[in-house]
Amino acid sequence: MRNKKAKSITVLILSLALVLTACGSKPAEGSTENKAEETTEEDGGGQASKTVFGTFESKTLDGEDVSQDIFSKADLTMVNIWGTFCGPCIKEMPELGELSRQYADKGVQIVGLISDVSDPGDETAEDIISTAKADYTHMVASNDLQNGILKEVYAVPATYFVDKDGNQVGKAYPGARDMDSWAKIIDEMLAEVQP
């Protein structure tokens, strides 16, 4: 009797811990050869830079081709990895949409990576994005991304900042944040990449 009660309490605690930490990552199915590169280079400040996304090819949710070249379009790219199943991901998207509009002329772009969608045109993802007015680019989880960055992500949302060469700036940010918190982080990361 006592052993059964202890097991029940343990299961309850573990379940609660999982729910409170974040949504579990649920990458899309399928895999191919890993093309992601993770290299370390010395930058001018003596800090190691890491190309966390490596070389990849994917599609946007709208079906357009996209690659690591997307990062060259801005001094700083905020990549928000999210899932259609993740409440905290969806909750922060309207504010990410607003930030995308506010920072568009400051050398910053926001790109979404949908961890559980591998094909363009997914209606669930499109509905979420439309409702949230998160009108920035969203990439689907191609095999390259599944076998690259998504292997390193254990919960969503997870956010990375990269410079125009795809090198990681600062640390990875697990979990959702409010608009003011993200704005402060974006300003700090932007100061690192702009002269």
Foldseek 3Di string as FASTA:
>chain_A
DVVVVVVVVVVVVVVVVQVVQFAFFDAADDADDAQADWDWDQDPVRDTWTLQLHWDWFAWLQGHIDILQVQLQFQKEKEWEEELVTPQSLVAQLLLLVVQVVCVVVRYHYEYEHRHFRHHPDPSVVVSCVVSVNPGTYTYCHNNNCSTNVVVDGHDGKIFMAGSNSITFDDIDHTHDHNVVVVVVVVVSSVVRDD
